[in-house]
Amino acid sequence: INLDKKIFKALSNSNNGEVGNDTVFYY
């Protein structure tokens, strides 16, 4: 799988994490 030009958002995270549903990743 290649991540080039892919955009992601979080589905879930542990309570001690800071990434949430409003965090967007641009790979």
PDB file of all heavy atoms in Angstrom:
ATOM      1  N   ILE A   1       0.842  -1.196   0.000  1.00  0.00           N
ATOM      2  CA  ILE A   1       0.000   0.000   0.000  1.00  0.00           C
ATOM      3  C   ILE A   1       0.874   1.241   0.000  1.00  0.00           C
ATOM      4  O   ILE A   1       1.838   1.328   0.756  1.00  0.00           O
ATOM      5  CB  ILE A   1      -0.948  -0.013   1.212  1.00  0.00           C
ATOM      6  CG1 ILE A   1      -1.946  -1.177   1.056  1.00  0.00           C
ATOM      7  CG2 ILE A   1      -1.656   1.318   1.370  1.00  0.00           C
ATOM      8  CD1 ILE A   1      -2.859  -1.370   2.236  1.00  0.00           C
ATOM      9  N   ASN A   2       0.553   2.201  -0.872  1.00  0.00           N
ATOM     10  CA  ASN A   2       1.293   3.457  -0.984  1.00  0.00           C
ATOM     11  C   ASN A   2       0.434   4.587  -0.427  1.00  0.00           C
ATOM     12  O   ASN A   2      -0.754   4.676  -0.724  1.00  0.00           O
ATOM     13  CB  ASN A   2       1.647   3.699  -2.458  1.00  0.00           C
ATOM     14  CG  ASN A   2       2.579   4.864  -2.647  1.00  0.00           C
ATOM     15  OD1 ASN A   2       2.236   5.999  -2.342  1.00  0.00           O
ATOM     16  ND2 ASN A   2       3.758   4.579  -3.172  1.00  0.00           N
ATOM     17  N   LEU A   3       1.046   5.464   0.365  1.00  0.00           N
ATOM     18  CA  LEU A   3       0.312   6.549   1.018  1.00  0.00           C
ATOM     19  C   LEU A   3       0.437   7.886   0.296  1.00  0.00           C
ATOM     20  O   LEU A   3      -0.078   8.899   0.793  1.00  0.00           O
ATOM     21  CB  LEU A   3       0.794   6.712   2.463  1.00  0.00           C
ATOM     22  CG  LEU A   3       0.649   5.486   3.361  1.00  0.00           C
ATOM     23  CD1 LEU A   3       1.154   5.809   4.762  1.00  0.00           C
ATOM     24  CD2 LEU A   3      -0.782   4.999   3.395  1.00  0.00           C
ATOM     25  N   ASP A   4       1.079   7.917  -0.862  1.00  0.00           N
ATOM     26  CA  ASP A   4       1.316   9.188  -1.542  1.00  0.00           C
ATOM     27  C   ASP A   4       0.005   9.898  -1.879  1.00  0.00           C
ATOM     28  O   ASP A   4      -0.907   9.298  -2.447  1.00  0.00           O
ATOM     29  CB  ASP A   4       2.126   8.966  -2.815  1.00  0.00           C
ATOM     30  CG  ASP A   4       2.690  10.262  -3.362  1.00  0.00           C
ATOM     31  OD1 ASP A   4       3.164  11.096  -2.552  1.00  0.00           O
ATOM     32  OD2 ASP A   4       2.662  10.449  -4.587  1.00  0.00           O
ATOM     33  N   LYS A   5      -0.079  11.157  -1.498  1.00  0.00           N
ATOM     34  CA  LYS A   5      -1.229  12.033  -1.747  1.00  0.00           C
ATOM     35  C   LYS A   5      -2.517  11.553  -1.082  1.00  0.00           C
ATOM     36  O   LYS A   5      -3.611  11.916  -1.486  1.00  0.00           O
ATOM     37  CB  LYS A   5      -1.433  12.245  -3.236  1.00  0.00           C
ATOM     38  CG  LYS A   5      -0.261  12.937  -3.896  1.00  0.00           C
ATOM     39  CD  LYS A   5      -0.508  13.207  -5.351  1.00  0.00           C
ATOM     40  CE  LYS A   5       0.646  14.003  -5.910  1.00  0.00           C
ATOM     41  NZ  LYS A   5       1.353  13.397  -6.974  1.00  0.00           N
ATOM     42  N   LYS A   6      -2.385  10.742  -0.029  1.00  0.00           N
ATOM     43  CA  LYS A   6      -3.551  10.256   0.708  1.00  0.00           C
ATOM     44  C   LYS A   6      -3.814  11.170   1.906  1.00  0.00           C
ATOM     45  O   LYS A   6      -2.895  11.689   2.529  1.00  0.00           O
ATOM     46  CB  LYS A   6      -3.348   8.830   1.206  1.00  0.00           C
ATOM     47  CG  LYS A   6      -3.034   7.826   0.106  1.00  0.00           C
ATOM     48  CD  LYS A   6      -4.183   7.627  -0.837  1.00  0.00           C
ATOM     49  CE  LYS A   6      -3.862   6.528  -1.835  1.00  0.00           C
ATOM     50  NZ  LYS A   6      -4.904   6.336  -2.808  1.00  0.00           N
ATOM     51  N   ILE A   7      -5.084  11.356   2.231  1.00  0.00           N
ATOM     52  CA  ILE A   7      -5.502  12.185   3.359  1.00  0.00           C
ATOM     53  C   ILE A   7      -6.288  11.301   4.331  1.00  0.00           C
ATOM     54  O   ILE A   7      -7.161  10.541   3.916  1.00  0.00           O
ATOM     55  CB  ILE A   7      -6.366  13.373   2.886  1.00  0.00           C
ATOM     56  CG1 ILE A   7      -5.573  14.223   1.885  1.00  0.00           C
ATOM     57  CG2 ILE A   7      -6.824  14.211   4.070  1.00  0.00           C
ATOM     58  CD1 ILE A   7      -6.401  15.306   1.212  1.00  0.00           C
ATOM     59  N   PHE A   8      -5.957  11.407   5.626  1.00  0.00           N
ATOM     60  CA  PHE A   8      -6.562  10.568   6.652  1.00  0.00           C
ATOM     61  C   PHE A   8      -7.100  11.417   7.798  1.00  0.00           C
ATOM     62  O   PHE A   8      -6.632  12.528   8.028  1.00  0.00           O
ATOM     63  CB  PHE A   8      -5.512   9.614   7.253  1.00  0.00           C
ATOM     64  CG  PHE A   8      -5.054   8.539   6.325  1.00  0.00           C
ATOM     65  CD1 PHE A   8      -4.051   8.792   5.402  1.00  0.00           C
ATOM     66  CD2 PHE A   8      -5.598   7.274   6.376  1.00  0.00           C
ATOM     67  CE1 PHE A   8      -3.599   7.796   4.544  1.00  0.00           C
ATOM     68  CE2 PHE A   8      -5.157   6.272   5.529  1.00  0.00           C
ATOM     69  CZ  PHE A   8      -4.157   6.538   4.603  1.00  0.00           C
ATOM     70  N   LYS A   9      -8.055  10.842   8.518  1.00  0.00           N
ATOM     71  CA  LYS A   9      -8.496  11.411   9.795  1.00  0.00           C
ATOM     72  C   LYS A   9      -8.635  10.276  10.789  1.00  0.00           C
ATOM     73  O   LYS A   9      -8.742   9.105  10.411  1.00  0.00           O
ATOM     74  CB  LYS A   9      -9.774  12.226   9.658  1.00  0.00           C
ATOM     75  CG  LYS A   9     -11.014  11.426   9.371  1.00  0.00           C
ATOM     76  CD  LYS A   9     -12.240  12.279   9.205  1.00  0.00           C
ATOM     77  CE  LYS A   9     -12.626  12.896  10.522  1.00  0.00           C
ATOM     78  NZ  LYS A   9     -13.861  13.661  10.489  1.00  0.00           N
ATOM     79  N   ALA A  10      -8.646  10.611  12.072  1.00  0.00           N
ATOM     80  CA  ALA A  10      -8.683   9.600  13.121  1.00  0.00           C
ATOM     81  C   ALA A  10     -10.070   8.999  13.277  1.00  0.00           C
ATOM     82  O   ALA A  10     -11.074   9.713  13.234  1.00  0.00           O
ATOM     83  CB  ALA A  10      -8.212  10.203  14.434  1.00  0.00           C
ATOM     84  N   LEU A  11     -10.115   7.685  13.470  1.00  0.00           N
ATOM     85  CA  LEU A  11     -11.337   6.981  13.858  1.00  0.00           C
ATOM     86  C   LEU A  11     -11.373   6.795  15.371  1.00  0.00           C
ATOM     87  O   LEU A  11     -12.434   6.880  15.980  1.00  0.00           O
ATOM     88  CB  LEU A  11     -11.389   5.605  13.203  1.00  0.00           C
ATOM     89  CG  LEU A  11     -11.736   5.521  11.733  1.00  0.00           C
ATOM     90  CD1 LEU A  11     -11.613   4.083  11.251  1.00  0.00           C
ATOM     91  CD2 LEU A  11     -13.133   6.037  11.474  1.00  0.00           C
ATOM     92  N   SER A  12     -10.199   6.526  15.951  1.00  0.00           N
ATOM     93  CA  SER A  12     -10.114   6.296  17.391  1.00  0.00           C
ATOM     94  C   SER A  12      -8.693   6.565  17.855  1.00  0.00           C
ATOM     95  O   SER A  12      -7.754   6.569  17.056  1.00  0.00           O
ATOM     96  CB  SER A  12     -10.504   4.853  17.738  1.00  0.00           C
ATOM     97  OG  SER A  12      -9.567   3.949  17.182  1.00  0.00           O
ATOM     98  N   ASN A  13      -8.551   6.787  19.166  1.00  0.00           N
ATOM     99  CA  ASN A  13      -7.246   6.986  19.772  1.00  0.00           C
ATOM    100  C   ASN A  13      -7.350   6.669  21.255  1.00  0.00           C
ATOM    101  O   ASN A  13      -8.421   6.817  21.861  1.00  0.00           O
ATOM    102  CB  ASN A  13      -6.762   8.423  19.561  1.00  0.00           C
ATOM    103  CG  ASN A  13      -5.271   8.587  19.778  1.00  0.00           C
ATOM    104  OD1 ASN A  13      -4.551   7.630  20.052  1.00  0.00           O
ATOM    105  ND2 ASN A  13      -4.795   9.808  19.664  1.00  0.00           N
ATOM    106  N   SER A  14      -6.242   6.248  21.846  1.00  0.00           N
ATOM    107  CA  SER A  14      -6.183   6.030  23.286  1.00  0.00           C
ATOM    108  C   SER A  14      -6.385   7.358  24.014  1.00  0.00           C
ATOM    109  O   SER A  14      -6.095   8.429  23.464  1.00  0.00           O
ATOM    110  CB  SER A  14      -4.828   5.433  23.670  1.00  0.00           C
ATOM    111  OG  SER A  14      -4.631   4.187  23.048  1.00  0.00           O
ATOM    112  N   ASN A  15      -6.843   7.292  25.248  1.00  0.00           N
ATOM    113  CA  ASN A  15      -7.121   8.502  26.025  1.00  0.00           C
ATOM    114  C   ASN A  15      -5.901   9.388  26.236  1.00  0.00           C
ATOM    115  O   ASN A  15      -6.033  10.592  26.401  1.00  0.00           O
ATOM    116  CB  ASN A  15      -7.720   8.132  27.388  1.00  0.00           C
ATOM    117  CG  ASN A  15      -9.132   7.606  27.264  1.00  0.00           C
ATOM    118  OD1 ASN A  15      -9.833   7.884  26.298  1.00  0.00           O
ATOM    119  ND2 ASN A  15      -9.553   6.831  28.241  1.00  0.00           N
ATOM    120  N   ASN A  16      -4.703   8.811  26.244  1.00  0.00           N
ATOM    121  CA  ASN A  16      -3.481   9.577  26.466  1.00  0.00           C
ATOM    122  C   ASN A  16      -2.916  10.168  25.175  1.00  0.00           C
ATOM    123  O   ASN A  16      -1.867  10.802  25.184  1.00  0.00           O
ATOM    124  CB  ASN A  16      -2.416   8.719  27.158  1.00  0.00           C
ATOM    125  CG  ASN A  16      -2.089   7.465  26.378  1.00  0.00           C
ATOM    126  OD1 ASN A  16      -2.929   6.917  25.676  1.00  0.00           O
ATOM    127  ND2 ASN A  16      -0.873   6.983  26.506  1.00  0.00           N
ATOM    128  N   GLY A  17      -3.623  10.009  24.060  1.00  0.00           N
ATOM    129  CA  GLY A  17      -3.201  10.584  22.780  1.00  0.00           C
ATOM    130  C   GLY A  17      -3.801  11.958  22.564  1.00  0.00           C
ATOM    131  O   GLY A  17      -4.743  12.362  23.261  1.00  0.00           O
ATOM    132  N   GLU A  18      -3.261  12.696  21.610  1.00  0.00           N
ATOM    133  CA  GLU A  18      -3.761  14.040  21.309  1.00  0.00           C
ATOM    134  C   GLU A  18      -4.452  14.135  19.954  1.00  0.00           C
ATOM    135  O   GLU A  18      -5.132  15.094  19.678  1.00  0.00           O
ATOM    136  CB  GLU A  18      -2.617  15.054  21.390  1.00  0.00           C
ATOM    137  CG  GLU A  18      -2.081  15.192  22.796  1.00  0.00           C
ATOM    138  CD  GLU A  18      -1.126  16.343  22.989  1.00  0.00           C
ATOM    139  OE1 GLU A  18      -0.523  16.830  22.008  1.00  0.00           O
ATOM    140  OE2 GLU A  18      -0.975  16.763  24.151  1.00  0.00           O
ATOM    141  N   VAL A  19      -4.273  13.139  19.104  1.00  0.00           N
ATOM    142  CA  VAL A  19      -4.941  13.110  17.807  1.00  0.00           C
ATOM    143  C   VAL A  19      -6.416  12.797  18.038  1.00  0.00           C
ATOM    144  O   VAL A  19      -6.753  11.891  18.802  1.00  0.00           O
ATOM    145  CB  VAL A  19      -4.290  12.061  16.882  1.00  0.00           C
ATOM    146  CG1 VAL A  19      -5.144  11.765  15.666  1.00  0.00           C
ATOM    147  CG2 VAL A  19      -2.899  12.531  16.459  1.00  0.00           C
ATOM    148  N   GLY A  20      -7.305  13.562  17.394  1.00  0.00           N
ATOM    149  CA  GLY A  20      -8.737  13.348  17.527  1.00  0.00           C
ATOM    150  C   GLY A  20      -9.443  13.379  16.194  1.00  0.00           C
ATOM    151  O   GLY A  20      -8.799  13.474  15.132  1.00  0.00           O
ATOM    152  N   ASN A  21     -10.756  13.339  16.202  1.00  0.00           N
ATOM    153  CA  ASN A  21     -11.559  13.298  14.977  1.00  0.00           C
ATOM    154  C   ASN A  21     -11.357  14.515  14.081  1.00  0.00           C
ATOM    155  O   ASN A  21     -11.631  14.459  12.888  1.00  0.00           O
ATOM    156  CB  ASN A  21     -13.043  13.159  15.314  1.00  0.00           C
ATOM    157  CG  ASN A  21     -13.368  11.815  15.923  1.00  0.00           C
ATOM    158  OD1 ASN A  21     -12.622  10.855  15.775  1.00  0.00           O
ATOM    159  ND2 ASN A  21     -14.465  11.749  16.637  1.00  0.00           N
ATOM    160  N   ASP A  22     -10.913  15.639  14.651  1.00  0.00           N
ATOM    161  CA  ASP A  22     -10.683  16.857  13.870  1.00  0.00           C
ATOM    162  C   ASP A  22      -9.257  16.965  13.334  1.00  0.00           C
ATOM    163  O   ASP A  22      -8.922  17.947  12.679  1.00  0.00           O
ATOM    164  CB  ASP A  22     -10.992  18.094  14.716  1.00  0.00           C
ATOM    165  CG  ASP A  22     -12.464  18.173  15.088  1.00  0.00           C
ATOM    166  OD1 ASP A  22     -13.295  17.685  14.299  1.00  0.00           O
ATOM    167  OD2 ASP A  22     -12.773  18.704  16.161  1.00  0.00           O
ATOM    168  N   THR A  23      -8.404  15.983  13.620  1.00  0.00           N
ATOM    169  CA  THR A  23      -7.023  16.000  13.135  1.00  0.00           C
ATOM    170  C   THR A  23      -6.972  15.368  11.749  1.00  0.00           C
ATOM    171  O   THR A  23      -7.505  14.274  11.544  1.00  0.00           O
ATOM    172  CB  THR A  23      -6.098  15.227  14.090  1.00  0.00           C
ATOM    173  OG1 THR A  23      -6.312  15.678  15.429  1.00  0.00           O
ATOM    174  CG2 THR A  23      -4.636  15.436  13.706  1.00  0.00           C
ATOM    175  N   VAL A  24      -6.340  16.065  10.801  1.00  0.00           N
ATOM    176  CA  VAL A  24      -6.227  15.587   9.421  1.00  0.00           C
ATOM    177  C   VAL A  24      -4.757  15.421   9.070  1.00  0.00           C
ATOM    178  O   VAL A  24      -3.929  16.281   9.374  1.00  0.00           O
ATOM    179  CB  VAL A  24      -6.919  16.560   8.439  1.00  0.00           C
ATOM    180  CG1 VAL A  24      -6.797  16.064   7.009  1.00  0.00           C
ATOM    181  CG2 VAL A  24      -8.383  16.743   8.817  1.00  0.00           C
ATOM    182  N   PHE A  25      -4.429  14.299   8.408  1.00  0.00           N
ATOM    183  CA  PHE A  25      -3.070  13.952   8.006  1.00  0.00           C
ATOM    184  C   PHE A  25      -2.972  13.996   6.487  1.00  0.00           C
ATOM    185  O   PHE A  25      -3.803  13.396   5.803  1.00  0.00           O
ATOM    186  CB  PHE A  25      -2.719  12.535   8.465  1.00  0.00           C
ATOM    187  CG  PHE A  25      -2.638  12.369   9.946  1.00  0.00           C
ATOM    188  CD1 PHE A  25      -3.789  12.256  10.719  1.00  0.00           C
ATOM    189  CD2 PHE A  25      -1.409  12.313  10.580  1.00  0.00           C
ATOM    190  CE1 PHE A  25      -3.719  12.086  12.093  1.00  0.00           C
ATOM    191  CE2 PHE A  25      -1.325  12.151  11.953  1.00  0.00           C
ATOM    192  CZ  PHE A  25      -2.484  12.035  12.707  1.00  0.00           C
ATOM    193  N   TYR A  26      -1.923  14.637   5.978  1.00  0.00           N
ATOM    194  CA  TYR A  26      -1.671  14.760   4.537  1.00  0.00           C
ATOM    195  C   TYR A  26      -0.354  14.053   4.229  1.00  0.00           C
ATOM    196  O   TYR A  26       0.718  14.588   4.491  1.00  0.00           O
ATOM    197  CB  TYR A  26      -1.598  16.234   4.133  1.00  0.00           C
ATOM    198  CG  TYR A  26      -2.837  17.017   4.493  1.00  0.00           C
ATOM    199  CD1 TYR A  26      -2.973  17.608   5.750  1.00  0.00           C
ATOM    200  CD2 TYR A  26      -3.883  17.137   3.589  1.00  0.00           C
ATOM    201  CE1 TYR A  26      -4.114  18.321   6.087  1.00  0.00           C
ATOM    202  CE2 TYR A  26      -5.034  17.848   3.923  1.00  0.00           C
ATOM    203  CZ  TYR A  26      -5.133  18.430   5.177  1.00  0.00           C
ATOM    204  OH  TYR A  26      -6.268  19.132   5.508  1.00  0.00           O
ATOM    205  N   TYR A  27      -0.432  12.852   3.660  1.00  0.00           N
ATOM    206  CA  TYR A  27       0.738  12.000   3.449  1.00  0.00           C
ATOM    207  C   TYR A  27       1.375  12.185   2.077  1.00  0.00           C
ATOM    208  O   TYR A  27       0.691  12.475   1.091  1.00  0.00           O
ATOM    209  CB  TYR A  27       0.350  10.526   3.574  1.00  0.00           C
ATOM    210  CG  TYR A  27       0.339  10.015   4.982  1.00  0.00           C
ATOM    211  CD1 TYR A  27      -0.791  10.134   5.781  1.00  0.00           C
ATOM    212  CD2 TYR A  27       1.467   9.413   5.529  1.00  0.00           C
ATOM    213  CE1 TYR A  27      -0.808   9.657   7.087  1.00  0.00           C
ATOM    214  CE2 TYR A  27       1.462   8.932   6.826  1.00  0.00           C
ATOM    215  CZ  TYR A  27       0.320   9.059   7.594  1.00  0.00           C
ATOM    216  OH  TYR A  27       0.310   8.596   8.877  1.00  0.00           O
TER     217      TYR A  27
END
